[in-house]
Amino acid sequence: MTVMEVMTRNPVMLGAGATLREALWTMRDRGISSVLVVPQPGASEYGMLTMRDIIAKVVRPGLDPVQIRVGDLVTWRLVTAEPDWTLQQAAATMARARVRRLPVFSGGDIAGIVSDTDLFTSLVPKSSWEHARAVRKERALRRVQESGAARTVGDLMSSPVLTIGPDALAIDAVRKMAASGVSSLIVQQEDSTEGIITKRDVITKMMAEGKALEDVRVADIMSSPVRTIEAGETIEACSARMVEERVRRFPVTREGQIAGIISDKDILSAVVADRWRARRRVPASFLVADVMRPAVGTIETSGVEGLLPEMNLWDAASRLAAVPARQLPVVQAGKVIGTVSEMDILRALEERGAGD
């Protein structure tokens, strides 16, 4: 199969000026976890706002989503795919780039978007694939309709968790996840928890490497040991761990026993439904353009990937952390228009209440 056969055509797109609230409502109504962002005036690059952006940049620091715009959070310079790629090529690219979705371009124009869910559901018959989508959408709608304040992991976790044995075949795990509309299964041997198998494990450890599901056991691709979180932990603390450990879910424990599971989708649904409330207010934007200094003298740009003025501060900080330099040039239309340093970013985040 090719990317064209499984991708979503006519993906949802918003402008950078849209509010985060608009983006969240769009995600809720369409049953999706990301939106494309149209290029800025004078630019050609599309951006993307994902569920992970919201968890990392809004929930973790406890910011008020009502006051944030899409442009404050969006990631630019995306990793892309082509329509005629095989699913293995797409899976390998996702694994290598550590992303979960790829905009698909044909002849320079956006043709669609392919996600890890599209790849995962291609492994089962179309009837099962359609059933899985319906189950997930129904569950998402139920989540956002739930009421009551959500302060701790226990307030949002799903229970009971679904399990599978370590000696089961990977194809059986995929079928069970698809039939139940879930993205993970706890791996148990009698009363012992051996690991967890996720949609991501299937894509990165099997599809990306061209392995057949019928030839691999769950134990061969599961993630182990299982990283858990206590039911009493705050939503913000859970979000921070998801970001730091690069995971999307945690089994939830009470008195040492697994009592449920919490995912980033559970947290996003709580944000959409106003069940989770921010602790801090956001008085200004979070863009490079807001904190950059004027360019003074000659700035060396050879071999250096500069910053874009519309880039959010979190992405700018990540790019700075990846290079020896303490500051980077801000480039627009091939011209250096300013510089941004680590201290500029730290000072701005502290002023805006997101310094931690």
Protein backbone atom coordinates (compact mmCIF):
# COMPACT_ATOMS: atom_id res chain seq x y z
CA MET A 1 0.00 0.00 0.00
CA THR A 2 1.06 3.59 -0.52
CA VAL A 3 0.67 6.74 1.55
CA MET A 4 -1.94 8.01 -0.92
CA GLU A 5 -4.20 5.05 -0.10
CA VAL A 6 -4.34 5.69 3.64
CA MET A 7 -3.75 9.44 4.07
CA THR A 8 -6.42 11.93 5.06
CA ARG A 9 -7.22 14.22 2.13
CA ASN A 10 -8.20 17.86 2.57
CA PRO A 11 -6.69 18.09 6.07
CA VAL A 12 -8.01 20.69 8.48
CA MET A 13 -6.05 23.96 8.31
CA LEU A 14 -6.10 27.09 10.46
CA GLY A 15 -4.28 30.41 10.41
CA ALA A 16 -1.60 31.27 12.95
CA GLY A 17 -3.90 33.98 14.29
CA ALA A 18 -6.63 31.53 15.30
CA THR A 19 -7.09 31.08 19.03
CA LEU A 20 -6.10 27.86 20.72
CA ARG A 21 -9.72 27.52 21.78
CA GLU A 22 -10.77 27.47 18.11
CA ALA A 23 -8.14 24.82 17.40
CA LEU A 24 -9.33 22.68 20.32
CA TRP A 25 -12.96 22.89 19.22
CA THR A 26 -11.92 21.94 15.68
CA MET A 27 -10.01 18.93 16.97
CA ARG A 28 -13.00 17.91 19.08
CA ASP A 29 -15.55 18.27 16.27
CA ARG A 30 -13.42 16.45 13.69
CA GLY A 31 -12.09 13.76 16.04
CA ILE A 32 -8.46 14.64 15.26
CA SER A 33 -5.37 15.42 17.33
CA SER A 34 -3.56 17.91 15.07
CA VAL A 35 -4.24 20.73 12.62
CA LEU A 36 -2.11 22.15 9.82
CA VAL A 37 -1.29 25.86 9.96
CA VAL A 38 -1.24 27.81 6.70
CA PRO A 39 1.98 29.65 5.74
CA GLN A 40 2.60 33.10 7.14
CA PRO A 41 2.38 36.06 4.73
CA GLY A 42 5.42 35.99 2.46
CA ALA A 43 6.38 32.46 3.50
CA SER A 44 5.74 29.06 1.93
CA GLU A 45 6.18 26.69 4.87
CA TYR A 46 3.19 25.04 6.50
CA GLY A 47 3.17 24.52 10.24
CA MET A 48 1.44 22.06 12.54
CA LEU A 49 -0.19 22.20 15.94
CA THR A 50 -0.37 18.83 17.67
CA MET A 51 -1.75 17.40 20.85
CA ARG A 52 1.83 17.12 22.14
CA ASP A 53 2.37 20.87 21.61
CA ILE A 54 -0.64 21.60 23.79
CA ILE A 55 0.39 19.14 26.51
CA ALA A 56 3.98 20.40 26.57
CA LYS A 57 3.48 24.14 26.13
CA VAL A 58 0.13 24.82 27.78
CA VAL A 59 -0.85 22.12 30.29
CA ARG A 60 2.61 21.40 31.69
CA PRO A 61 3.27 25.04 32.72
CA GLY A 62 -0.40 25.56 33.62
CA LEU A 63 -1.16 28.35 31.15
CA ASP A 64 -4.60 29.63 30.24
CA PRO A 65 -5.53 28.26 26.77
CA VAL A 66 -8.11 31.00 26.23
CA GLN A 67 -5.38 33.63 25.84
CA ILE A 68 -3.06 31.68 23.51
CA ARG A 69 -3.05 31.72 19.72
CA VAL A 70 -2.09 28.90 17.40
CA GLY A 71 0.96 30.84 16.21
CA ASP A 72 2.35 30.82 19.76
CA LEU A 73 2.64 27.03 19.72
CA VAL A 74 2.95 25.90 16.11
CA THR A 75 5.95 23.92 14.83
CA TRP A 76 7.31 25.01 11.43
CA ARG A 77 9.72 23.25 9.02
CA LEU A 78 7.84 19.97 9.04
CA VAL A 79 9.05 16.53 8.02
CA THR A 80 6.95 15.57 4.98
CA ALA A 81 6.03 12.57 2.85
CA GLU A 82 5.13 11.94 -0.79
CA PRO A 83 1.94 10.22 -2.03
CA ASP A 84 3.76 7.32 -3.71
CA TRP A 85 5.80 6.37 -0.65
CA THR A 86 5.21 2.88 0.71
CA LEU A 87 3.83 2.62 4.22
CA GLN A 88 7.18 1.21 5.31
CA GLN A 89 8.90 4.37 4.05
CA ALA A 90 6.45 6.53 5.97
CA ALA A 91 6.85 4.42 9.12
CA ALA A 92 10.65 4.58 8.87
CA THR A 93 10.54 8.36 8.44
CA MET A 94 8.26 8.76 11.47
CA ALA A 95 10.57 6.55 13.55
CA ARG A 96 13.71 8.39 12.45
CA ALA A 97 12.25 11.90 12.92
CA ARG A 98 10.35 10.90 16.09
CA VAL A 99 7.09 12.33 14.78
CA ARG A 100 3.61 10.84 14.52
CA ARG A 101 2.27 12.47 11.38
CA LEU A 102 3.60 13.66 8.04
CA PRO A 103 2.05 16.28 5.73
CA VAL A 104 1.93 14.84 2.21
CA PHE A 105 3.01 17.06 -0.68
CA SER A 106 2.57 16.49 -4.40
CA GLY A 107 4.09 18.92 -6.89
CA GLY A 108 4.64 21.48 -4.17
CA ASP A 109 1.00 21.45 -3.06
CA ILE A 110 -0.45 19.92 0.09
CA ALA A 111 -2.21 16.67 -0.79
CA GLY A 112 -3.08 15.33 2.64
CA ILE A 113 -1.66 14.15 5.93
CA VAL A 114 -0.69 10.65 7.03
CA SER A 115 -0.57 9.74 10.71
CA ASP A 116 0.68 6.81 12.74
CA THR A 117 -2.98 5.88 13.24
CA ASP A 118 -3.44 5.66 9.46
CA LEU A 119 -0.46 3.31 9.24
CA PHE A 120 -1.61 1.25 12.22
CA THR A 121 -5.16 0.75 11.00
CA SER A 122 -3.91 -0.30 7.55
CA LEU A 123 -2.78 -3.54 9.20
CA VAL A 124 -6.36 -4.76 9.72
CA PRO A 125 -9.25 -5.25 7.25
CA LYS A 126 -11.07 -2.08 6.21
CA SER A 127 -14.19 -3.06 8.17
CA SER A 128 -12.10 -3.27 11.36
CA TRP A 129 -10.37 -0.03 10.42
CA GLU A 130 -13.69 1.81 10.07
CA HIS A 131 -14.94 0.27 13.29
CA ALA A 132 -11.82 1.42 15.15
CA ARG A 133 -12.29 4.99 13.90
CA ALA A 134 -15.94 4.99 15.00
CA VAL A 135 -15.05 3.65 18.45
CA ARG A 136 -12.29 6.23 18.95
CA LYS A 137 -14.50 9.11 17.84
CA GLU A 138 -17.34 8.03 20.13
CA ARG A 139 -14.93 7.71 23.05
CA ALA A 140 -13.46 11.15 22.31
CA LEU A 141 -16.92 12.72 22.31
CA ARG A 142 -17.73 11.04 25.63
CA ARG A 143 -14.51 12.38 27.13
CA VAL A 144 -15.24 16.00 26.25
CA GLN A 145 -18.81 15.70 27.54
CA GLU A 146 -17.70 14.54 30.98
CA SER A 147 -18.03 17.09 33.75
CA GLY A 148 -16.38 17.82 37.05
CA ALA A 149 -13.02 19.43 37.78
CA ALA A 150 -9.97 17.37 36.86
CA ARG A 151 -6.97 18.00 39.07
CA THR A 152 -5.29 14.62 39.35
CA VAL A 153 -4.45 11.68 37.12
CA GLY A 154 -7.12 9.63 38.87
CA ASP A 155 -9.77 12.11 37.69
CA LEU A 156 -8.98 11.40 34.03
CA MET A 157 -7.73 7.82 33.82
CA SER A 158 -9.59 5.11 31.90
CA SER A 159 -10.39 1.89 33.71
CA PRO A 160 -10.10 -1.06 33.50
CA VAL A 161 -7.05 -1.52 31.28
CA LEU A 162 -6.93 -4.10 28.50
CA THR A 163 -4.24 -6.77 28.64
CA ILE A 164 -2.54 -9.37 26.47
CA GLY A 165 -0.03 -12.14 27.12
CA PRO A 166 3.65 -11.84 26.12
CA ASP A 167 3.50 -14.97 23.96
CA ALA A 168 0.59 -13.70 21.84
CA LEU A 169 1.37 -12.75 18.25
CA ALA A 170 1.74 -9.09 17.38
CA ILE A 171 -1.12 -9.39 14.88
CA ASP A 172 -3.41 -10.47 17.73
CA ALA A 173 -2.42 -7.35 19.69
CA VAL A 174 -3.16 -5.15 16.68
CA ARG A 175 -6.56 -6.76 16.18
CA LYS A 176 -7.45 -6.35 19.84
CA MET A 177 -6.42 -2.69 19.88
CA ALA A 178 -8.32 -1.98 16.66
CA ALA A 179 -11.47 -3.74 17.87
CA SER A 180 -11.41 -1.80 21.14
CA GLY A 181 -10.35 1.53 19.65
CA VAL A 182 -7.31 1.81 21.94
CA SER A 183 -3.63 2.43 21.25
CA SER A 184 -2.01 0.24 23.91
CA LEU A 185 -2.31 -2.98 25.87
CA ILE A 186 -0.70 -3.93 29.17
CA VAL A 187 1.33 -7.13 28.77
CA GLN A 188 0.69 -9.50 31.66
CA GLN A 189 1.87 -13.01 32.53
CA GLU A 190 -0.44 -14.37 35.21
CA ASP A 191 -0.26 -11.68 37.95
CA SER A 192 2.96 -10.10 36.73
CA THR A 193 3.09 -6.99 34.53
CA GLU A 194 5.74 -7.63 31.88
CA GLY A 195 5.46 -4.50 29.74
CA ILE A 196 3.22 -2.46 27.47
CA ILE A 197 2.69 -2.70 23.72
CA THR A 198 1.60 0.45 21.92
CA LYS A 199 0.68 1.57 18.44
CA ARG A 200 4.08 3.26 18.33
CA ASP A 201 5.87 -0.02 19.07
CA VAL A 202 4.13 -1.69 16.14
CA ILE A 203 5.01 1.13 13.74
CA THR A 204 8.63 1.76 14.74
CA LYS A 205 9.73 -1.78 15.58
CA MET A 206 7.84 -3.68 12.88
CA MET A 207 6.42 -1.60 10.04
CA ALA A 208 9.53 0.57 9.77
CA GLU A 209 11.68 -2.55 9.54
CA GLY A 210 9.40 -4.50 7.21
CA LYS A 211 8.65 -7.30 9.67
CA ALA A 212 5.51 -9.42 9.38
CA LEU A 213 3.06 -9.23 12.28
CA GLU A 214 2.42 -12.96 12.06
CA ASP A 215 6.09 -13.75 12.76
CA VAL A 216 6.62 -11.70 15.92
CA ARG A 217 5.49 -12.17 19.51
CA VAL A 218 4.25 -9.35 21.71
CA ALA A 219 7.25 -9.89 24.01
CA ASP A 220 9.61 -9.11 21.11
CA ILE A 221 8.35 -5.54 20.58
CA MET A 222 6.76 -4.50 23.87
CA SER A 223 8.27 -1.67 25.93
CA SER A 224 9.62 -2.77 29.29
CA PRO A 225 9.80 -2.02 32.16
CA VAL A 226 6.48 -0.25 32.46
CA ARG A 227 6.67 3.36 33.60
CA THR A 228 3.68 4.13 35.82
CA ILE A 229 2.23 7.16 37.58
CA GLU A 230 0.32 7.47 40.83
CA ALA A 231 -3.37 8.34 40.67
CA GLY A 232 -2.81 11.28 43.00
CA GLU A 233 -0.30 13.09 40.76
CA THR A 234 -1.44 16.39 39.26
CA ILE A 235 -2.33 16.75 35.59
CA GLU A 236 0.57 19.22 35.19
CA ALA A 237 3.07 16.77 36.69
CA CYS A 238 1.78 13.99 34.45
CA SER A 239 2.11 16.25 31.40
CA ALA A 240 5.67 17.13 32.35
CA ARG A 241 6.63 13.46 32.59
CA MET A 242 5.00 12.68 29.24
CA VAL A 243 7.11 15.39 27.62
CA GLU A 244 10.35 14.53 29.40
CA GLU A 245 10.04 10.77 28.85
CA ARG A 246 8.56 11.13 25.34
CA VAL A 247 5.57 8.87 26.02
CA ARG A 248 1.88 9.33 25.38
CA ARG A 249 0.41 7.33 28.23
CA PHE A 250 1.05 5.92 31.70
CA PRO A 251 -0.56 3.00 33.50
CA VAL A 252 -1.99 4.47 36.70
CA THR A 253 -1.33 2.84 40.07
CA ARG A 254 -3.13 2.90 43.39
CA GLU A 255 -1.44 1.21 46.34
CA GLY A 256 1.02 -0.45 43.98
CA GLN A 257 -1.63 -1.97 41.70
CA ILE A 258 -2.50 -0.86 38.16
CA ALA A 259 -5.92 0.76 38.39
CA GLY A 260 -6.23 2.43 34.99
CA ILE A 261 -4.38 4.23 32.23
CA ILE A 262 -4.06 7.91 31.29
CA SER A 263 -3.16 9.18 27.82
CA ASP A 264 -2.44 12.56 26.28
CA LYS A 265 -5.87 12.33 24.65
CA ASP A 266 -7.48 12.14 28.09
CA ILE A 267 -5.68 15.33 29.08
CA LEU A 268 -6.56 17.09 25.82
CA SER A 269 -10.23 16.18 26.28
CA ALA A 270 -10.13 17.69 29.78
CA VAL A 271 -8.74 20.93 28.34
CA VAL A 272 -11.44 21.06 25.65
CA ALA A 273 -14.19 20.43 28.21
CA ASP A 274 -12.79 23.04 30.64
CA ARG A 275 -12.38 20.30 33.24
CA TRP A 276 -8.72 21.25 33.62
CA ARG A 277 -8.18 24.86 34.68
CA ALA A 278 -5.01 26.88 34.17
CA ARG A 279 -3.07 28.38 37.06
CA ARG A 280 -1.40 31.17 35.10
CA ARG A 281 -2.44 33.85 32.69
CA VAL A 282 -0.59 34.68 29.48
CA PRO A 283 -0.21 38.42 28.86
CA ALA A 284 1.69 38.23 25.57
CA SER A 285 2.74 36.10 22.63
CA PHE A 286 5.47 33.48 22.76
CA LEU A 287 7.24 34.16 19.47
CA VAL A 288 10.87 34.77 18.53
CA ALA A 289 9.87 38.11 17.01
CA ASP A 290 8.78 39.30 20.46
CA VAL A 291 12.17 38.74 22.12
CA MET A 292 14.80 39.14 19.38
CA ARG A 293 17.41 41.90 19.53
CA PRO A 294 18.45 44.00 16.51
CA ALA A 295 21.32 42.54 14.49
CA VAL A 296 24.56 44.39 15.24
CA GLY A 297 27.67 44.07 13.07
CA THR A 298 28.44 41.01 10.96
CA ILE A 299 26.75 37.81 12.11
CA GLU A 300 28.17 34.48 10.97
CA THR A 301 25.41 32.32 9.44
CA SER A 302 27.44 29.79 7.44
CA GLY A 303 26.46 26.29 8.48
CA VAL A 304 24.08 27.65 11.13
CA GLU A 305 20.34 27.00 11.02
CA GLY A 306 18.79 30.28 12.10
CA LEU A 307 15.49 31.00 13.75
CA LEU A 308 12.32 32.23 12.08
CA PRO A 309 10.60 35.31 13.56
CA GLU A 310 7.29 33.40 13.76
CA MET A 311 8.85 30.41 15.57
CA ASN A 312 7.60 29.79 19.11
CA LEU A 313 10.03 30.14 22.01
CA TRP A 314 9.98 26.45 22.92
CA ASP A 315 11.17 25.41 19.46
CA ALA A 316 13.76 28.20 19.49
CA ALA A 317 15.05 26.95 22.85
CA SER A 318 15.30 23.39 21.49
CA ARG A 319 17.29 24.58 18.49
CA LEU A 320 19.64 26.60 20.72
CA ALA A 321 20.16 23.60 22.98
CA ALA A 322 21.28 21.53 19.97
CA VAL A 323 24.16 23.85 19.00
CA PRO A 324 27.27 25.10 20.85
CA ALA A 325 26.30 28.76 20.32
CA ARG A 326 24.56 30.77 23.03
CA GLN A 327 22.63 32.80 20.44
CA LEU A 328 21.29 32.30 16.93
CA PRO A 329 20.44 34.68 14.09
CA VAL A 330 16.81 35.38 13.21
CA VAL A 331 16.39 35.03 9.46
CA GLN A 332 13.55 36.22 7.23
CA ALA A 333 13.59 35.92 3.42
CA GLY A 334 17.30 35.03 3.54
CA LYS A 335 18.23 38.15 5.52
CA VAL A 336 19.39 38.34 9.15
CA ILE A 337 17.00 40.66 10.97
CA GLY A 338 18.07 40.04 14.56
CA THR A 339 19.47 37.63 17.14
CA VAL A 340 18.06 35.66 20.05
CA SER A 341 20.05 34.28 22.97
CA GLU A 342 19.31 31.74 25.69
CA MET A 343 18.90 34.56 28.21
CA ASP A 344 16.39 36.36 25.95
CA ILE A 345 14.22 33.24 25.90
CA LEU A 346 14.54 32.47 29.61
CA ARG A 347 13.73 36.06 30.57
CA ALA A 348 10.65 36.12 28.32
CA LEU A 349 9.30 32.83 29.66
CA GLU A 350 9.81 33.91 33.25
CA GLU A 351 8.02 37.21 32.60
CA ARG A 352 5.12 35.33 31.06
CA GLY A 353 4.88 32.85 33.94
CA ALA A 354 6.24 29.83 32.06
CA GLY A 355 9.83 29.83 33.24
CA ASP A 356 9.68 26.34 34.68
